[in-house]
């Protein structure tokens, strides 16, 4: 973030969650 602290990118985590779902079949 602007203060230099590490933060999680919610949108990217959601994308990877969707990738996991896409891999299930």
PDBML (XML) file of the C-alpha atoms, coordinates in Angstrom:
<?xml version="1.0" encoding="UTF-8" ?>
<PDBx:datablock datablockName="MODEL"
   xmlns:PDBx="http://pdbml.pdb.org/schema/pdbx-v50.xsd"
   xmlns:xsi="http://www.w3.org/2001/XMLSchema-instance"
   xsi:schemaLocation="http://pdbml.pdb.org/schema/pdbx-v50.xsd pdbx-v50.xsd">
   <PDBx:atom_siteCategory>
      <PDBx:atom_site id="1">
         <PDBx:B_iso_or_equiv>0.00</PDBx:B_iso_or_equiv>
         <PDBx:Cartn_x>0.000</PDBx:Cartn_x>
         <PDBx:Cartn_y>0.000</PDBx:Cartn_y>
         <PDBx:Cartn_z>0.000</PDBx:Cartn_z>
         <PDBx:auth_asym_id>A</PDBx:auth_asym_id>
         <PDBx:auth_atom_id>CA</PDBx:auth_atom_id>
         <PDBx:auth_comp_id>UNK</PDBx:auth_comp_id>
         <PDBx:auth_seq_id>1</PDBx:auth_seq_id>
         <PDBx:group_PDB>ATOM</PDBx:group_PDB>
         <PDBx:label_alt_id xsi:nil="true" />
         <PDBx:label_asym_id>A</PDBx:label_asym_id>
         <PDBx:label_atom_id>CA</PDBx:label_atom_id>
         <PDBx:label_comp_id>UNK</PDBx:label_comp_id>
         <PDBx:label_entity_id>1</PDBx:label_entity_id>
         <PDBx:label_seq_id>1</PDBx:label_seq_id>
         <PDBx:occupancy>1.00</PDBx:occupancy>
         <PDBx:pdbx_PDB_model_num>1</PDBx:pdbx_PDB_model_num>
         <PDBx:type_symbol>C</PDBx:type_symbol>
      </PDBx:atom_site>
      <PDBx:atom_site id="2">
         <PDBx:B_iso_or_equiv>0.00</PDBx:B_iso_or_equiv>
         <PDBx:Cartn_x>1.039</PDBx:Cartn_x>
         <PDBx:Cartn_y>3.677</PDBx:Cartn_y>
         <PDBx:Cartn_z>0.056</PDBx:Cartn_z>
         <PDBx:auth_asym_id>A</PDBx:auth_asym_id>
         <PDBx:auth_atom_id>CA</PDBx:auth_atom_id>
         <PDBx:auth_comp_id>UNK</PDBx:auth_comp_id>
         <PDBx:auth_seq_id>2</PDBx:auth_seq_id>
         <PDBx:group_PDB>ATOM</PDBx:group_PDB>
         <PDBx:label_alt_id xsi:nil="true" />
         <PDBx:label_asym_id>A</PDBx:label_asym_id>
         <PDBx:label_atom_id>CA</PDBx:label_atom_id>
         <PDBx:label_comp_id>UNK</PDBx:label_comp_id>
         <PDBx:label_entity_id>1</PDBx:label_entity_id>
         <PDBx:label_seq_id>2</PDBx:label_seq_id>
         <PDBx:occupancy>1.00</PDBx:occupancy>
         <PDBx:pdbx_PDB_model_num>1</PDBx:pdbx_PDB_model_num>
         <PDBx:type_symbol>C</PDBx:type_symbol>
      </PDBx:atom_site>
      <PDBx:atom_site id="3">
         <PDBx:B_iso_or_equiv>0.00</PDBx:B_iso_or_equiv>
         <PDBx:Cartn_x>2.730</PDBx:Cartn_x>
         <PDBx:Cartn_y>3.240</PDBx:Cartn_y>
         <PDBx:Cartn_z>3.405</PDBx:Cartn_z>
         <PDBx:auth_asym_id>A</PDBx:auth_asym_id>
         <PDBx:auth_atom_id>CA</PDBx:auth_atom_id>
         <PDBx:auth_comp_id>UNK</PDBx:auth_comp_id>
         <PDBx:auth_seq_id>3</PDBx:auth_seq_id>
         <PDBx:group_PDB>ATOM</PDBx:group_PDB>
         <PDBx:label_alt_id xsi:nil="true" />
         <PDBx:label_asym_id>A</PDBx:label_asym_id>
         <PDBx:label_atom_id>CA</PDBx:label_atom_id>
         <PDBx:label_comp_id>UNK</PDBx:label_comp_id>
         <PDBx:label_entity_id>1</PDBx:label_entity_id>
         <PDBx:label_seq_id>3</PDBx:label_seq_id>
         <PDBx:occupancy>1.00</PDBx:occupancy>
         <PDBx:pdbx_PDB_model_num>1</PDBx:pdbx_PDB_model_num>
         <PDBx:type_symbol>C</PDBx:type_symbol>
      </PDBx:atom_site>
      <PDBx:atom_site id="4">
         <PDBx:B_iso_or_equiv>0.00</PDBx:B_iso_or_equiv>
         <PDBx:Cartn_x>4.830</PDBx:Cartn_x>
         <PDBx:Cartn_y>0.369</PDBx:Cartn_y>
         <PDBx:Cartn_z>2.053</PDBx:Cartn_z>
         <PDBx:auth_asym_id>A</PDBx:auth_asym_id>
         <PDBx:auth_atom_id>CA</PDBx:auth_atom_id>
         <PDBx:auth_comp_id>UNK</PDBx:auth_comp_id>
         <PDBx:auth_seq_id>4</PDBx:auth_seq_id>
         <PDBx:group_PDB>ATOM</PDBx:group_PDB>
         <PDBx:label_alt_id xsi:nil="true" />
         <PDBx:label_asym_id>A</PDBx:label_asym_id>
         <PDBx:label_atom_id>CA</PDBx:label_atom_id>
         <PDBx:label_comp_id>UNK</PDBx:label_comp_id>
         <PDBx:label_entity_id>1</PDBx:label_entity_id>
         <PDBx:label_seq_id>4</PDBx:label_seq_id>
         <PDBx:occupancy>1.00</PDBx:occupancy>
         <PDBx:pdbx_PDB_model_num>1</PDBx:pdbx_PDB_model_num>
         <PDBx:type_symbol>C</PDBx:type_symbol>
      </PDBx:atom_site>
      <PDBx:atom_site id="5">
         <PDBx:B_iso_or_equiv>0.00</PDBx:B_iso_or_equiv>
         <PDBx:Cartn_x>3.075</PDBx:Cartn_x>
         <PDBx:Cartn_y>-2.362</PDBx:Cartn_y>
         <PDBx:Cartn_z>4.001</PDBx:Cartn_z>
         <PDBx:auth_asym_id>A</PDBx:auth_asym_id>
         <PDBx:auth_atom_id>CA</PDBx:auth_atom_id>
         <PDBx:auth_comp_id>UNK</PDBx:auth_comp_id>
         <PDBx:auth_seq_id>5</PDBx:auth_seq_id>
         <PDBx:group_PDB>ATOM</PDBx:group_PDB>
         <PDBx:label_alt_id xsi:nil="true" />
         <PDBx:label_asym_id>A</PDBx:label_asym_id>
         <PDBx:label_atom_id>CA</PDBx:label_atom_id>
         <PDBx:label_comp_id>UNK</PDBx:label_comp_id>
         <PDBx:label_entity_id>1</PDBx:label_entity_id>
         <PDBx:label_seq_id>5</PDBx:label_seq_id>
         <PDBx:occupancy>1.00</PDBx:occupancy>
         <PDBx:pdbx_PDB_model_num>1</PDBx:pdbx_PDB_model_num>
         <PDBx:type_symbol>C</PDBx:type_symbol>
      </PDBx:atom_site>
      <PDBx:atom_site id="6">
         <PDBx:B_iso_or_equiv>0.00</PDBx:B_iso_or_equiv>
         <PDBx:Cartn_x>2.411</PDBx:Cartn_x>
         <PDBx:Cartn_y>-5.691</PDBx:Cartn_y>
         <PDBx:Cartn_z>2.315</PDBx:Cartn_z>
         <PDBx:auth_asym_id>A</PDBx:auth_asym_id>
         <PDBx:auth_atom_id>CA</PDBx:auth_atom_id>
         <PDBx:auth_comp_id>UNK</PDBx:auth_comp_id>
         <PDBx:auth_seq_id>6</PDBx:auth_seq_id>
         <PDBx:group_PDB>ATOM</PDBx:group_PDB>
         <PDBx:label_alt_id xsi:nil="true" />
         <PDBx:label_asym_id>A</PDBx:label_asym_id>
         <PDBx:label_atom_id>CA</PDBx:label_atom_id>
         <PDBx:label_comp_id>UNK</PDBx:label_comp_id>
         <PDBx:label_entity_id>1</PDBx:label_entity_id>
         <PDBx:label_seq_id>6</PDBx:label_seq_id>
         <PDBx:occupancy>1.00</PDBx:occupancy>
         <PDBx:pdbx_PDB_model_num>1</PDBx:pdbx_PDB_model_num>
         <PDBx:type_symbol>C</PDBx:type_symbol>
      </PDBx:atom_site>
      <PDBx:atom_site id="7">
         <PDBx:B_iso_or_equiv>0.00</PDBx:B_iso_or_equiv>
         <PDBx:Cartn_x>-1.255</PDBx:Cartn_x>
         <PDBx:Cartn_y>-6.276</PDBx:Cartn_y>
         <PDBx:Cartn_z>1.575</PDBx:Cartn_z>
         <PDBx:auth_asym_id>A</PDBx:auth_asym_id>
         <PDBx:auth_atom_id>CA</PDBx:auth_atom_id>
         <PDBx:auth_comp_id>UNK</PDBx:auth_comp_id>
         <PDBx:auth_seq_id>7</PDBx:auth_seq_id>
         <PDBx:group_PDB>ATOM</PDBx:group_PDB>
         <PDBx:label_alt_id xsi:nil="true" />
         <PDBx:label_asym_id>A</PDBx:label_asym_id>
         <PDBx:label_atom_id>CA</PDBx:label_atom_id>
         <PDBx:label_comp_id>UNK</PDBx:label_comp_id>
         <PDBx:label_entity_id>1</PDBx:label_entity_id>
         <PDBx:label_seq_id>7</PDBx:label_seq_id>
         <PDBx:occupancy>1.00</PDBx:occupancy>
         <PDBx:pdbx_PDB_model_num>1</PDBx:pdbx_PDB_model_num>
         <PDBx:type_symbol>C</PDBx:type_symbol>
      </PDBx:atom_site>
      <PDBx:atom_site id="8">
         <PDBx:B_iso_or_equiv>0.00</PDBx:B_iso_or_equiv>
         <PDBx:Cartn_x>-3.281</PDBx:Cartn_x>
         <PDBx:Cartn_y>-9.005</PDBx:Cartn_y>
         <PDBx:Cartn_z>-0.085</PDBx:Cartn_z>
         <PDBx:auth_asym_id>A</PDBx:auth_asym_id>
         <PDBx:auth_atom_id>CA</PDBx:auth_atom_id>
         <PDBx:auth_comp_id>UNK</PDBx:auth_comp_id>
         <PDBx:auth_seq_id>8</PDBx:auth_seq_id>
         <PDBx:group_PDB>ATOM</PDBx:group_PDB>
         <PDBx:label_alt_id xsi:nil="true" />
         <PDBx:label_asym_id>A</PDBx:label_asym_id>
         <PDBx:label_atom_id>CA</PDBx:label_atom_id>
         <PDBx:label_comp_id>UNK</PDBx:label_comp_id>
         <PDBx:label_entity_id>1</PDBx:label_entity_id>
         <PDBx:label_seq_id>8</PDBx:label_seq_id>
         <PDBx:occupancy>1.00</PDBx:occupancy>
         <PDBx:pdbx_PDB_model_num>1</PDBx:pdbx_PDB_model_num>
         <PDBx:type_symbol>C</PDBx:type_symbol>
      </PDBx:atom_site>
      <PDBx:atom_site id="9">
         <PDBx:B_iso_or_equiv>0.00</PDBx:B_iso_or_equiv>
         <PDBx:Cartn_x>-4.842</PDBx:Cartn_x>
         <PDBx:Cartn_y>-8.265</PDBx:Cartn_y>
         <PDBx:Cartn_z>-3.461</PDBx:Cartn_z>
         <PDBx:auth_asym_id>A</PDBx:auth_asym_id>
         <PDBx:auth_atom_id>CA</PDBx:auth_atom_id>
         <PDBx:auth_comp_id>UNK</PDBx:auth_comp_id>
         <PDBx:auth_seq_id>9</PDBx:auth_seq_id>
         <PDBx:group_PDB>ATOM</PDBx:group_PDB>
         <PDBx:label_alt_id xsi:nil="true" />
         <PDBx:label_asym_id>A</PDBx:label_asym_id>
         <PDBx:label_atom_id>CA</PDBx:label_atom_id>
         <PDBx:label_comp_id>UNK</PDBx:label_comp_id>
         <PDBx:label_entity_id>1</PDBx:label_entity_id>
         <PDBx:label_seq_id>9</PDBx:label_seq_id>
         <PDBx:occupancy>1.00</PDBx:occupancy>
         <PDBx:pdbx_PDB_model_num>1</PDBx:pdbx_PDB_model_num>
         <PDBx:type_symbol>C</PDBx:type_symbol>
      </PDBx:atom_site>
      <PDBx:atom_site id="10">
         <PDBx:B_iso_or_equiv>0.00</PDBx:B_iso_or_equiv>
         <PDBx:Cartn_x>-8.437</PDBx:Cartn_x>
         <PDBx:Cartn_y>-9.446</PDBx:Cartn_y>
         <PDBx:Cartn_z>-3.074</PDBx:Cartn_z>
         <PDBx:auth_asym_id>A</PDBx:auth_asym_id>
         <PDBx:auth_atom_id>CA</PDBx:auth_atom_id>
         <PDBx:auth_comp_id>UNK</PDBx:auth_comp_id>
         <PDBx:auth_seq_id>10</PDBx:auth_seq_id>
         <PDBx:group_PDB>ATOM</PDBx:group_PDB>
         <PDBx:label_alt_id xsi:nil="true" />
         <PDBx:label_asym_id>A</PDBx:label_asym_id>
         <PDBx:label_atom_id>CA</PDBx:label_atom_id>
         <PDBx:label_comp_id>UNK</PDBx:label_comp_id>
         <PDBx:label_entity_id>1</PDBx:label_entity_id>
         <PDBx:label_seq_id>10</PDBx:label_seq_id>
         <PDBx:occupancy>1.00</PDBx:occupancy>
         <PDBx:pdbx_PDB_model_num>1</PDBx:pdbx_PDB_model_num>
         <PDBx:type_symbol>C</PDBx:type_symbol>
      </PDBx:atom_site>
      <PDBx:atom_site id="11">
         <PDBx:B_iso_or_equiv>0.00</PDBx:B_iso_or_equiv>
         <PDBx:Cartn_x>-9.132</PDBx:Cartn_x>
         <PDBx:Cartn_y>-9.417</PDBx:Cartn_y>
         <PDBx:Cartn_z>-6.821</PDBx:Cartn_z>
         <PDBx:auth_asym_id>A</PDBx:auth_asym_id>
         <PDBx:auth_atom_id>CA</PDBx:auth_atom_id>
         <PDBx:auth_comp_id>UNK</PDBx:auth_comp_id>
         <PDBx:auth_seq_id>11</PDBx:auth_seq_id>
         <PDBx:group_PDB>ATOM</PDBx:group_PDB>
         <PDBx:label_alt_id xsi:nil="true" />
         <PDBx:label_asym_id>A</PDBx:label_asym_id>
         <PDBx:label_atom_id>CA</PDBx:label_atom_id>
         <PDBx:label_comp_id>UNK</PDBx:label_comp_id>
         <PDBx:label_entity_id>1</PDBx:label_entity_id>
         <PDBx:label_seq_id>11</PDBx:label_seq_id>
         <PDBx:occupancy>1.00</PDBx:occupancy>
         <PDBx:pdbx_PDB_model_num>1</PDBx:pdbx_PDB_model_num>
         <PDBx:type_symbol>C</PDBx:type_symbol>
      </PDBx:atom_site>
      <PDBx:atom_site id="12">
         <PDBx:B_iso_or_equiv>0.00</PDBx:B_iso_or_equiv>
         <PDBx:Cartn_x>-6.105</PDBx:Cartn_x>
         <PDBx:Cartn_y>-11.619</PDBx:Cartn_y>
         <PDBx:Cartn_z>-7.540</PDBx:Cartn_z>
         <PDBx:auth_asym_id>A</PDBx:auth_asym_id>
         <PDBx:auth_atom_id>CA</PDBx:auth_atom_id>
         <PDBx:auth_comp_id>UNK</PDBx:auth_comp_id>
         <PDBx:auth_seq_id>12</PDBx:auth_seq_id>
         <PDBx:group_PDB>ATOM</PDBx:group_PDB>
         <PDBx:label_alt_id xsi:nil="true" />
         <PDBx:label_asym_id>A</PDBx:label_asym_id>
         <PDBx:label_atom_id>CA</PDBx:label_atom_id>
         <PDBx:label_comp_id>UNK</PDBx:label_comp_id>
         <PDBx:label_entity_id>1</PDBx:label_entity_id>
         <PDBx:label_seq_id>12</PDBx:label_seq_id>
         <PDBx:occupancy>1.00</PDBx:occupancy>
         <PDBx:pdbx_PDB_model_num>1</PDBx:pdbx_PDB_model_num>
         <PDBx:type_symbol>C</PDBx:type_symbol>
      </PDBx:atom_site>
      <PDBx:atom_site id="13">
         <PDBx:B_iso_or_equiv>0.00</PDBx:B_iso_or_equiv>
         <PDBx:Cartn_x>-7.047</PDBx:Cartn_x>
         <PDBx:Cartn_y>-14.094</PDBx:Cartn_y>
         <PDBx:Cartn_z>-4.810</PDBx:Cartn_z>
         <PDBx:auth_asym_id>A</PDBx:auth_asym_id>
         <PDBx:auth_atom_id>CA</PDBx:auth_atom_id>
         <PDBx:auth_comp_id>UNK</PDBx:auth_comp_id>
         <PDBx:auth_seq_id>13</PDBx:auth_seq_id>
         <PDBx:group_PDB>ATOM</PDBx:group_PDB>
         <PDBx:label_alt_id xsi:nil="true" />
         <PDBx:label_asym_id>A</PDBx:label_asym_id>
         <PDBx:label_atom_id>CA</PDBx:label_atom_id>
         <PDBx:label_comp_id>UNK</PDBx:label_comp_id>
         <PDBx:label_entity_id>1</PDBx:label_entity_id>
         <PDBx:label_seq_id>13</PDBx:label_seq_id>
         <PDBx:occupancy>1.00</PDBx:occupancy>
         <PDBx:pdbx_PDB_model_num>1</PDBx:pdbx_PDB_model_num>
         <PDBx:type_symbol>C</PDBx:type_symbol>
      </PDBx:atom_site>
      <PDBx:atom_site id="14">
         <PDBx:B_iso_or_equiv>0.00</PDBx:B_iso_or_equiv>
         <PDBx:Cartn_x>-10.532</PDBx:Cartn_x>
         <PDBx:Cartn_y>-14.311</PDBx:Cartn_y>
         <PDBx:Cartn_z>-6.322</PDBx:Cartn_z>
         <PDBx:auth_asym_id>A</PDBx:auth_asym_id>
         <PDBx:auth_atom_id>CA</PDBx:auth_atom_id>
         <PDBx:auth_comp_id>UNK</PDBx:auth_comp_id>
         <PDBx:auth_seq_id>14</PDBx:auth_seq_id>
         <PDBx:group_PDB>ATOM</PDBx:group_PDB>
         <PDBx:label_alt_id xsi:nil="true" />
         <PDBx:label_asym_id>A</PDBx:label_asym_id>
         <PDBx:label_atom_id>CA</PDBx:label_atom_id>
         <PDBx:label_comp_id>UNK</PDBx:label_comp_id>
         <PDBx:label_entity_id>1</PDBx:label_entity_id>
         <PDBx:label_seq_id>14</PDBx:label_seq_id>
         <PDBx:occupancy>1.00</PDBx:occupancy>
         <PDBx:pdbx_PDB_model_num>1</PDBx:pdbx_PDB_model_num>
         <PDBx:type_symbol>C</PDBx:type_symbol>
      </PDBx:atom_site>
      <PDBx:atom_site id="15">
         <PDBx:B_iso_or_equiv>0.00</PDBx:B_iso_or_equiv>
         <PDBx:Cartn_x>-9.022</PDBx:Cartn_x>
         <PDBx:Cartn_y>-14.950</PDBx:Cartn_y>
         <PDBx:Cartn_z>-9.747</PDBx:Cartn_z>
         <PDBx:auth_asym_id>A</PDBx:auth_asym_id>
         <PDBx:auth_atom_id>CA</PDBx:auth_atom_id>
         <PDBx:auth_comp_id>UNK</PDBx:auth_comp_id>
         <PDBx:auth_seq_id>15</PDBx:auth_seq_id>
         <PDBx:group_PDB>ATOM</PDBx:group_PDB>
         <PDBx:label_alt_id xsi:nil="true" />
         <PDBx:label_asym_id>A</PDBx:label_asym_id>
         <PDBx:label_atom_id>CA</PDBx:label_atom_id>
         <PDBx:label_comp_id>UNK</PDBx:label_comp_id>
         <PDBx:label_entity_id>1</PDBx:label_entity_id>
         <PDBx:label_seq_id>15</PDBx:label_seq_id>
         <PDBx:occupancy>1.00</PDBx:occupancy>
         <PDBx:pdbx_PDB_model_num>1</PDBx:pdbx_PDB_model_num>
         <PDBx:type_symbol>C</PDBx:type_symbol>
      </PDBx:atom_site>
      <PDBx:atom_site id="16">
         <PDBx:B_iso_or_equiv>0.00</PDBx:B_iso_or_equiv>
         <PDBx:Cartn_x>-6.955</PDBx:Cartn_x>
         <PDBx:Cartn_y>-17.828</PDBx:Cartn_y>
         <PDBx:Cartn_z>-8.362</PDBx:Cartn_z>
         <PDBx:auth_asym_id>A</PDBx:auth_asym_id>
         <PDBx:auth_atom_id>CA</PDBx:auth_atom_id>
         <PDBx:auth_comp_id>UNK</PDBx:auth_comp_id>
         <PDBx:auth_seq_id>16</PDBx:auth_seq_id>
         <PDBx:group_PDB>ATOM</PDBx:group_PDB>
         <PDBx:label_alt_id xsi:nil="true" />
         <PDBx:label_asym_id>A</PDBx:label_asym_id>
         <PDBx:label_atom_id>CA</PDBx:label_atom_id>
         <PDBx:label_comp_id>UNK</PDBx:label_comp_id>
         <PDBx:label_entity_id>1</PDBx:label_entity_id>
         <PDBx:label_seq_id>16</PDBx:label_seq_id>
         <PDBx:occupancy>1.00</PDBx:occupancy>
         <PDBx:pdbx_PDB_model_num>1</PDBx:pdbx_PDB_model_num>
         <PDBx:type_symbol>C</PDBx:type_symbol>
      </PDBx:atom_site>
      <PDBx:atom_site id="17">
         <PDBx:B_iso_or_equiv>0.00</PDBx:B_iso_or_equiv>
         <PDBx:Cartn_x>-10.040</PDBx:Cartn_x>
         <PDBx:Cartn_y>-19.201</PDBx:Cartn_y>
         <PDBx:Cartn_z>-6.598</PDBx:Cartn_z>
         <PDBx:auth_asym_id>A</PDBx:auth_asym_id>
         <PDBx:auth_atom_id>CA</PDBx:auth_atom_id>
         <PDBx:auth_comp_id>UNK</PDBx:auth_comp_id>
         <PDBx:auth_seq_id>17</PDBx:auth_seq_id>
         <PDBx:group_PDB>ATOM</PDBx:group_PDB>
         <PDBx:label_alt_id xsi:nil="true" />
         <PDBx:label_asym_id>A</PDBx:label_asym_id>
         <PDBx:label_atom_id>CA</PDBx:label_atom_id>
         <PDBx:label_comp_id>UNK</PDBx:label_comp_id>
         <PDBx:label_entity_id>1</PDBx:label_entity_id>
         <PDBx:label_seq_id>17</PDBx:label_seq_id>
         <PDBx:occupancy>1.00</PDBx:occupancy>
         <PDBx:pdbx_PDB_model_num>1</PDBx:pdbx_PDB_model_num>
         <PDBx:type_symbol>C</PDBx:type_symbol>
      </PDBx:atom_site>
      <PDBx:atom_site id="18">
         <PDBx:B_iso_or_equiv>0.00</PDBx:B_iso_or_equiv>
         <PDBx:Cartn_x>-11.805</PDBx:Cartn_x>
         <PDBx:Cartn_y>-19.236</PDBx:Cartn_y>
         <PDBx:Cartn_z>-9.974</PDBx:Cartn_z>
         <PDBx:auth_asym_id>A</PDBx:auth_asym_id>
         <PDBx:auth_atom_id>CA</PDBx:auth_atom_id>
         <PDBx:auth_comp_id>UNK</PDBx:auth_comp_id>
         <PDBx:auth_seq_id>18</PDBx:auth_seq_id>
         <PDBx:group_PDB>ATOM</PDBx:group_PDB>
         <PDBx:label_alt_id xsi:nil="true" />
         <PDBx:label_asym_id>A</PDBx:label_asym_id>
         <PDBx:label_atom_id>CA</PDBx:label_atom_id>
         <PDBx:label_comp_id>UNK</PDBx:label_comp_id>
         <PDBx:label_entity_id>1</PDBx:label_entity_id>
         <PDBx:label_seq_id>18</PDBx:label_seq_id>
         <PDBx:occupancy>1.00</PDBx:occupancy>
         <PDBx:pdbx_PDB_model_num>1</PDBx:pdbx_PDB_model_num>
         <PDBx:type_symbol>C</PDBx:type_symbol>
      </PDBx:atom_site>
      <PDBx:atom_site id="19">
         <PDBx:B_iso_or_equiv>0.00</PDBx:B_iso_or_equiv>
         <PDBx:Cartn_x>-8.782</PDBx:Cartn_x>
         <PDBx:Cartn_y>-20.954</PDBx:Cartn_y>
         <PDBx:Cartn_z>-11.529</PDBx:Cartn_z>
         <PDBx:auth_asym_id>A</PDBx:auth_asym_id>
         <PDBx:auth_atom_id>CA</PDBx:auth_atom_id>
         <PDBx:auth_comp_id>UNK</PDBx:auth_comp_id>
         <PDBx:auth_seq_id>19</PDBx:auth_seq_id>
         <PDBx:group_PDB>ATOM</PDBx:group_PDB>
         <PDBx:label_alt_id xsi:nil="true" />
         <PDBx:label_asym_id>A</PDBx:label_asym_id>
         <PDBx:label_atom_id>CA</PDBx:label_atom_id>
         <PDBx:label_comp_id>UNK</PDBx:label_comp_id>
         <PDBx:label_entity_id>1</PDBx:label_entity_id>
         <PDBx:label_seq_id>19</PDBx:label_seq_id>
         <PDBx:occupancy>1.00</PDBx:occupancy>
         <PDBx:pdbx_PDB_model_num>1</PDBx:pdbx_PDB_model_num>
         <PDBx:type_symbol>C</PDBx:type_symbol>
      </PDBx:atom_site>
      <PDBx:atom_site id="20">
         <PDBx:B_iso_or_equiv>0.00</PDBx:B_iso_or_equiv>
         <PDBx:Cartn_x>-9.060</PDBx:Cartn_x>
         <PDBx:Cartn_y>-23.678</PDBx:Cartn_y>
         <PDBx:Cartn_z>-8.871</PDBx:Cartn_z>
         <PDBx:auth_asym_id>A</PDBx:auth_asym_id>
         <PDBx:auth_atom_id>CA</PDBx:auth_atom_id>
         <PDBx:auth_comp_id>UNK</PDBx:auth_comp_id>
         <PDBx:auth_seq_id>20</PDBx:auth_seq_id>
         <PDBx:group_PDB>ATOM</PDBx:group_PDB>
         <PDBx:label_alt_id xsi:nil="true" />
         <PDBx:label_asym_id>A</PDBx:label_asym_id>
         <PDBx:label_atom_id>CA</PDBx:label_atom_id>
         <PDBx:label_comp_id>UNK</PDBx:label_comp_id>
         <PDBx:label_entity_id>1</PDBx:label_entity_id>
         <PDBx:label_seq_id>20</PDBx:label_seq_id>
         <PDBx:occupancy>1.00</PDBx:occupancy>
         <PDBx:pdbx_PDB_model_num>1</PDBx:pdbx_PDB_model_num>
         <PDBx:type_symbol>C</PDBx:type_symbol>
      </PDBx:atom_site>
      <PDBx:atom_site id="21">
         <PDBx:B_iso_or_equiv>0.00</PDBx:B_iso_or_equiv>
         <PDBx:Cartn_x>-12.747</PDBx:Cartn_x>
         <PDBx:Cartn_y>-24.131</PDBx:Cartn_y>
         <PDBx:Cartn_z>-9.737</PDBx:Cartn_z>
         <PDBx:auth_asym_id>A</PDBx:auth_asym_id>
         <PDBx:auth_atom_id>CA</PDBx:auth_atom_id>
         <PDBx:auth_comp_id>UNK</PDBx:auth_comp_id>
         <PDBx:auth_seq_id>21</PDBx:auth_seq_id>
         <PDBx:group_PDB>ATOM</PDBx:group_PDB>
         <PDBx:label_alt_id xsi:nil="true" />
         <PDBx:label_asym_id>A</PDBx:label_asym_id>
         <PDBx:label_atom_id>CA</PDBx:label_atom_id>
         <PDBx:label_comp_id>UNK</PDBx:label_comp_id>
         <PDBx:label_entity_id>1</PDBx:label_entity_id>
         <PDBx:label_seq_id>21</PDBx:label_seq_id>
         <PDBx:occupancy>1.00</PDBx:occupancy>
         <PDBx:pdbx_PDB_model_num>1</PDBx:pdbx_PDB_model_num>
         <PDBx:type_symbol>C</PDBx:type_symbol>
      </PDBx:atom_site>
      <PDBx:atom_site id="22">
         <PDBx:B_iso_or_equiv>0.00</PDBx:B_iso_or_equiv>
         <PDBx:Cartn_x>-11.865</PDBx:Cartn_x>
         <PDBx:Cartn_y>-24.295</PDBx:Cartn_y>
         <PDBx:Cartn_z>-13.442</PDBx:Cartn_z>
         <PDBx:auth_asym_id>A</PDBx:auth_asym_id>
         <PDBx:auth_atom_id>CA</PDBx:auth_atom_id>
         <PDBx:auth_comp_id>UNK</PDBx:auth_comp_id>
         <PDBx:auth_seq_id>22</PDBx:auth_seq_id>
         <PDBx:group_PDB>ATOM</PDBx:group_PDB>
         <PDBx:label_alt_id xsi:nil="true" />
         <PDBx:label_asym_id>A</PDBx:label_asym_id>
         <PDBx:label_atom_id>CA</PDBx:label_atom_id>
         <PDBx:label_comp_id>UNK</PDBx:label_comp_id>
         <PDBx:label_entity_id>1</PDBx:label_entity_id>
         <PDBx:label_seq_id>22</PDBx:label_seq_id>
         <PDBx:occupancy>1.00</PDBx:occupancy>
         <PDBx:pdbx_PDB_model_num>1</PDBx:pdbx_PDB_model_num>
         <PDBx:type_symbol>C</PDBx:type_symbol>
      </PDBx:atom_site>
      <PDBx:atom_site id="23">
         <PDBx:B_iso_or_equiv>0.00</PDBx:B_iso_or_equiv>
         <PDBx:Cartn_x>-9.350</PDBx:Cartn_x>
         <PDBx:Cartn_y>-27.046</PDBx:Cartn_y>
         <PDBx:Cartn_z>-12.703</PDBx:Cartn_z>
         <PDBx:auth_asym_id>A</PDBx:auth_asym_id>
         <PDBx:auth_atom_id>CA</PDBx:auth_atom_id>
         <PDBx:auth_comp_id>UNK</PDBx:auth_comp_id>
         <PDBx:auth_seq_id>23</PDBx:auth_seq_id>
         <PDBx:group_PDB>ATOM</PDBx:group_PDB>
         <PDBx:label_alt_id xsi:nil="true" />
         <PDBx:label_asym_id>A</PDBx:label_asym_id>
         <PDBx:label_atom_id>CA</PDBx:label_atom_id>
         <PDBx:label_comp_id>UNK</PDBx:label_comp_id>
         <PDBx:label_entity_id>1</PDBx:label_entity_id>
         <PDBx:label_seq_id>23</PDBx:label_seq_id>
         <PDBx:occupancy>1.00</PDBx:occupancy>
         <PDBx:pdbx_PDB_model_num>1</PDBx:pdbx_PDB_model_num>
         <PDBx:type_symbol>C</PDBx:type_symbol>
      </PDBx:atom_site>
      <PDBx:atom_site id="24">
         <PDBx:B_iso_or_equiv>0.00</PDBx:B_iso_or_equiv>
         <PDBx:Cartn_x>-11.872</PDBx:Cartn_x>
         <PDBx:Cartn_y>-29.286</PDBx:Cartn_y>
         <PDBx:Cartn_z>-10.909</PDBx:Cartn_z>
         <PDBx:auth_asym_id>A</PDBx:auth_asym_id>
         <PDBx:auth_atom_id>CA</PDBx:auth_atom_id>
         <PDBx:auth_comp_id>UNK</PDBx:auth_comp_id>
         <PDBx:auth_seq_id>24</PDBx:auth_seq_id>
         <PDBx:group_PDB>ATOM</PDBx:group_PDB>
         <PDBx:label_alt_id xsi:nil="true" />
         <PDBx:label_asym_id>A</PDBx:label_asym_id>
         <PDBx:label_atom_id>CA</PDBx:label_atom_id>
         <PDBx:label_comp_id>UNK</PDBx:label_comp_id>
         <PDBx:label_entity_id>1</PDBx:label_entity_id>
         <PDBx:label_seq_id>24</PDBx:label_seq_id>
         <PDBx:occupancy>1.00</PDBx:occupancy>
         <PDBx:pdbx_PDB_model_num>1</PDBx:pdbx_PDB_model_num>
         <PDBx:type_symbol>C</PDBx:type_symbol>
      </PDBx:atom_site>
      <PDBx:atom_site id="25">
         <PDBx:B_iso_or_equiv>0.00</PDBx:B_iso_or_equiv>
         <PDBx:Cartn_x>-13.278</PDBx:Cartn_x>
         <PDBx:Cartn_y>-31.108</PDBx:Cartn_y>
         <PDBx:Cartn_z>-13.988</PDBx:Cartn_z>
         <PDBx:auth_asym_id>A</PDBx:auth_asym_id>
         <PDBx:auth_atom_id>CA</PDBx:auth_atom_id>
         <PDBx:auth_comp_id>UNK</PDBx:auth_comp_id>
         <PDBx:auth_seq_id>25</PDBx:auth_seq_id>
         <PDBx:group_PDB>ATOM</PDBx:group_PDB>
         <PDBx:label_alt_id xsi:nil="true" />
         <PDBx:label_asym_id>A</PDBx:label_asym_id>
         <PDBx:label_atom_id>CA</PDBx:label_atom_id>
         <PDBx:label_comp_id>UNK</PDBx:label_comp_id>
         <PDBx:label_entity_id>1</PDBx:label_entity_id>
         <PDBx:label_seq_id>25</PDBx:label_seq_id>
         <PDBx:occupancy>1.00</PDBx:occupancy>
         <PDBx:pdbx_PDB_model_num>1</PDBx:pdbx_PDB_model_num>
         <PDBx:type_symbol>C</PDBx:type_symbol>
      </PDBx:atom_site>
   </PDBx:atom_siteCategory>
</PDBx:datablock>
